[in-house]
Amino acid sequence: MASKFARITIIATLLAVSACGTVQGIGKDISTAGKAITKTAS
């Protein structure tokens, strides 16, 4: 379970970093990824 969560987190982080060009954009993408992970985990 923990390794699946770690993989999802790493993939979400990589997508967030590659998809945005500004620091503000990174924050929004990480927030969105965190919400998706929280929804998946519950």
PDB file of N, CA and C in Angstrom:
ATOM      1  N   MET A   1       0.834  -1.198   0.000  1.00  0.00           N
ATOM      2  CA  MET A   1       0.000   0.000   0.000  1.00  0.00           C
ATOM      3  C   MET A   1       0.871   1.251   0.000  1.00  0.00           C
ATOM      4  N   ALA A   2       1.903   1.269   0.842  1.00  0.00           N
ATOM      5  CA  ALA A   2       2.758   2.453   0.923  1.00  0.00           C
ATOM      6  C   ALA A   2       3.533   2.671  -0.375  1.00  0.00           C
ATOM      7  N   SER A   3       3.979   1.578  -1.008  1.00  0.00           N
ATOM      8  CA  SER A   3       4.727   1.743  -2.249  1.00  0.00           C
ATOM      9  C   SER A   3       3.823   2.262  -3.375  1.00  0.00           C
ATOM     10  N   LYS A   4       2.554   1.853  -3.384  1.00  0.00           N
ATOM     11  CA  LYS A   4       1.609   2.373  -4.371  1.00  0.00           C
ATOM     12  C   LYS A   4       1.400   3.870  -4.159  1.00  0.00           C
ATOM     13  N   PHE A   5       1.250   4.272  -2.911  1.00  0.00           N
ATOM     14  CA  PHE A   5       1.095   5.688  -2.582  1.00  0.00           C
ATOM     15  C   PHE A   5       2.335   6.472  -2.999  1.00  0.00           C
ATOM     16  N   ALA A   6       3.509   5.906  -2.749  1.00  0.00           N
ATOM     17  CA  ALA A   6       4.757   6.580  -3.125  1.00  0.00           C
ATOM     18  C   ALA A   6       4.852   6.750  -4.635  1.00  0.00           C
ATOM     19  N   ARG A   7       4.475   5.724  -5.374  1.00  0.00           N
ATOM     20  CA  ARG A   7       4.512   5.822  -6.840  1.00  0.00           C
ATOM     21  C   ARG A   7       3.554   6.897  -7.347  1.00  0.00           C
ATOM     22  N   ILE A   8       2.351   6.925  -6.795  1.00  0.00           N
ATOM     23  CA  ILE A   8       1.374   7.936  -7.206  1.00  0.00           C
ATOM     24  C   ILE A   8       1.905   9.333  -6.891  1.00  0.00           C
ATOM     25  N   THR A   9       2.491   9.492  -5.722  1.00  0.00           N
ATOM     26  CA  THR A   9       3.035  10.791  -5.325  1.00  0.00           C
ATOM     27  C   THR A   9       4.162  11.236  -6.254  1.00  0.00           C
ATOM     28  N   ILE A  10       5.061  10.332  -6.579  1.00  0.00           N
ATOM     29  CA  ILE A  10       6.184  10.663  -7.467  1.00  0.00           C
ATOM     30  C   ILE A  10       5.670  11.036  -8.854  1.00  0.00           C
ATOM     31  N   ILE A  11       4.747  10.260  -9.382  1.00  0.00           N
ATOM     32  CA  ILE A  11       4.199  10.546 -10.709  1.00  0.00           C
ATOM     33  C   ILE A  11       3.481  11.893 -10.710  1.00  0.00           C
ATOM     34  N   ALA A  12       2.677  12.147  -9.687  1.00  0.00           N
ATOM     35  CA  ALA A  12       1.957  13.423  -9.607  1.00  0.00           C
ATOM     36  C   ALA A  12       2.928  14.594  -9.523  1.00  0.00           C
ATOM     37  N   THR A  13       3.994  14.429  -8.754  1.00  0.00           N
ATOM     38  CA  THR A  13       4.987  15.493  -8.625  1.00  0.00           C
ATOM     39  C   THR A  13       5.689  15.755  -9.951  1.00  0.00           C
ATOM     40  N   LEU A  14       6.071  14.699 -10.635  1.00  0.00           N
ATOM     41  CA  LEU A  14       6.728  14.872 -11.930  1.00  0.00           C
ATOM     42  C   LEU A  14       5.809  15.548 -12.937  1.00  0.00           C
ATOM     43  N   LEU A  15       4.558  15.156 -12.952  1.00  0.00           N
ATOM     44  CA  LEU A  15       3.602  15.800 -13.855  1.00  0.00           C
ATOM     45  C   LEU A  15       3.400  17.266 -13.500  1.00  0.00           C
ATOM     46  N   ALA A  16       3.330  17.552 -12.216  1.00  0.00           N
ATOM     47  CA  ALA A  16       3.123  18.935 -11.785  1.00  0.00           C
ATOM     48  C   ALA A  16       4.308  19.808 -12.178  1.00  0.00           C
ATOM     49  N   VAL A  17       5.504  19.309 -11.997  1.00  0.00           N
ATOM     50  CA  VAL A  17       6.698  20.088 -12.316  1.00  0.00           C
ATOM     51  C   VAL A  17       6.828  20.285 -13.822  1.00  0.00           C
ATOM     52  N   SER A  18       6.521  19.264 -14.592  1.00  0.00           N
ATOM     53  CA  SER A  18       6.681  19.378 -16.040  1.00  0.00           C
ATOM     54  C   SER A  18       5.561  20.180 -16.705  1.00  0.00           C
ATOM     55  N   ALA A  19       4.414  20.287 -16.036  1.00  0.00           N
ATOM     56  CA  ALA A  19       3.256  20.914 -16.666  1.00  0.00           C
ATOM     57  C   ALA A  19       3.161  22.409 -16.446  1.00  0.00           C
ATOM     58  N   CYS A  20       3.968  22.981 -15.587  1.00  0.00           N
ATOM     59  CA  CYS A  20       3.813  24.405 -15.306  1.00  0.00           C
ATOM     60  C   CYS A  20       5.142  25.127 -15.423  1.00  0.00           C
ATOM     61  N   GLY A  21       5.064  26.427 -15.680  1.00  0.00           N
ATOM     62  CA  GLY A  21       6.274  27.199 -15.912  1.00  0.00           C
ATOM     63  C   GLY A  21       6.604  28.192 -14.815  1.00  0.00           C
ATOM     64  N   THR A  22       5.741  28.357 -13.829  1.00  0.00           N
ATOM     65  CA  THR A  22       5.991  29.342 -12.786  1.00  0.00           C
ATOM     66  C   THR A  22       5.886  28.703 -11.408  1.00  0.00           C
ATOM     67  N   VAL A  23       6.419  29.364 -10.425  1.00  0.00           N
ATOM     68  CA  VAL A  23       6.341  28.871  -9.048  1.00  0.00           C
ATOM     69  C   VAL A  23       4.884  28.815  -8.596  1.00  0.00           C
ATOM     70  N   GLN A  24       4.111  29.803  -8.951  1.00  0.00           N
ATOM     71  CA  GLN A  24       2.692  29.813  -8.598  1.00  0.00           C
ATOM     72  C   GLN A  24       1.977  28.629  -9.254  1.00  0.00           C
ATOM     73  N   GLY A  25       2.321  28.343 -10.493  1.00  0.00           N
ATOM     74  CA  GLY A  25       1.736  27.203 -11.195  1.00  0.00           C
ATOM     75  C   GLY A  25       2.089  25.890 -10.533  1.00  0.00           C
ATOM     76  N   ILE A  26       3.327  25.774 -10.046  1.00  0.00           N
ATOM     77  CA  ILE A  26       3.746  24.562  -9.344  1.00  0.00           C
ATOM     78  C   ILE A  26       2.897  24.370  -8.098  1.00  0.00           C
ATOM     79  N   GLY A  27       2.680  25.439  -7.361  1.00  0.00           N
ATOM     80  CA  GLY A  27       1.853  25.358  -6.155  1.00  0.00           C
ATOM     81  C   GLY A  27       0.443  24.890  -6.453  1.00  0.00           C
ATOM     82  N   LYS A  28      -0.139  25.416  -7.508  1.00  0.00           N
ATOM     83  CA  LYS A  28      -1.496  25.008  -7.889  1.00  0.00           C
ATOM     84  C   LYS A  28      -1.526  23.545  -8.315  1.00  0.00           C
ATOM     85  N   ASP A  29      -0.521  23.137  -9.095  1.00  0.00           N
ATOM     86  CA  ASP A  29      -0.476  21.751  -9.561  1.00  0.00           C
ATOM     87  C   ASP A  29      -0.271  20.778  -8.405  1.00  0.00           C
ATOM     88  N   ILE A  30       0.591  21.123  -7.469  1.00  0.00           N
ATOM     89  CA  ILE A  30       0.826  20.255  -6.313  1.00  0.00           C
ATOM     90  C   ILE A  30      -0.427  20.173  -5.460  1.00  0.00           C
ATOM     91  N   SER A  31      -1.119  21.285  -5.301  1.00  0.00           N
ATOM     92  CA  SER A  31      -2.365  21.282  -4.545  1.00  0.00           C
ATOM     93  C   SER A  31      -3.397  20.373  -5.204  1.00  0.00           C
ATOM     94  N   THR A  32      -3.512  20.464  -6.510  1.00  0.00           N
ATOM     95  CA  THR A  32      -4.452  19.619  -7.248  1.00  0.00           C
ATOM     96  C   THR A  32      -4.070  18.149  -7.121  1.00  0.00           C
ATOM     97  N   ALA A  33      -2.788  17.857  -7.246  1.00  0.00           N
ATOM     98  CA  ALA A  33      -2.316  16.476  -7.115  1.00  0.00           C
ATOM     99  C   ALA A  33      -2.586  15.946  -5.696  1.00  0.00           C
ATOM    100  N   GLY A  34      -2.359  16.785  -4.707  1.00  0.00           N
ATOM    101  CA  GLY A  34      -2.620  16.377  -3.317  1.00  0.00           C
ATOM    102  C   GLY A  34      -4.080  16.054  -3.085  1.00  0.00           C
ATOM    103  N   LYS A  35      -4.959  16.848  -3.662  1.00  0.00           N
ATOM    104  CA  LYS A  35      -6.392  16.578  -3.533  1.00  0.00           C
ATOM    105  C   LYS A  35      -6.757  15.259  -4.205  1.00  0.00           C
ATOM    106  N   ALA A  36      -6.166  14.995  -5.363  1.00  0.00           N
ATOM    107  CA  ALA A  36      -6.449  13.738  -6.074  1.00  0.00           C
ATOM    108  C   ALA A  36      -5.944  12.543  -5.277  1.00  0.00           C
ATOM    109  N   ILE A  37      -4.773  12.675  -4.674  1.00  0.00           N
ATOM    110  CA  ILE A  37      -4.215  11.585  -3.872  1.00  0.00           C
ATOM    111  C   ILE A  37      -5.084  11.351  -2.636  1.00  0.00           C
ATOM    112  N   THR A  38      -5.514  12.429  -2.010  1.00  0.00           N
ATOM    113  CA  THR A  38      -6.375  12.302  -0.820  1.00  0.00           C
ATOM    114  C   THR A  38      -7.686  11.606  -1.188  1.00  0.00           C
ATOM    115  N   LYS A  39      -8.249  11.977  -2.335  1.00  0.00           N
ATOM    116  CA  LYS A  39      -9.504  11.365  -2.773  1.00  0.00           C
ATOM    117  C   LYS A  39      -9.296   9.874  -3.062  1.00  0.00           C
ATOM    118  N   THR A  40      -8.150   9.534  -3.682  1.00  0.00           N
ATOM    119  CA  THR A  40      -7.858   8.144  -4.004  1.00  0.00           C
ATOM    120  C   THR A  40      -7.626   7.322  -2.743  1.00  0.00           C
ATOM    121  N   ALA A  41      -6.979   7.910  -1.757  1.00  0.00           N
ATOM    122  CA  ALA A  41      -6.648   7.187  -0.532  1.00  0.00           C
ATOM    123  C   ALA A  41      -7.857   6.934   0.353  1.00  0.00           C
ATOM    124  N   SER A  42      -8.881   7.763   0.226  1.00  0.00           N
ATOM    125  CA  SER A  42     -10.046   7.583   1.117  1.00  0.00           C
ATOM    126  C   SER A  42     -11.119   6.718   0.536  1.00  0.00           C
TER     127      SER A  42
END
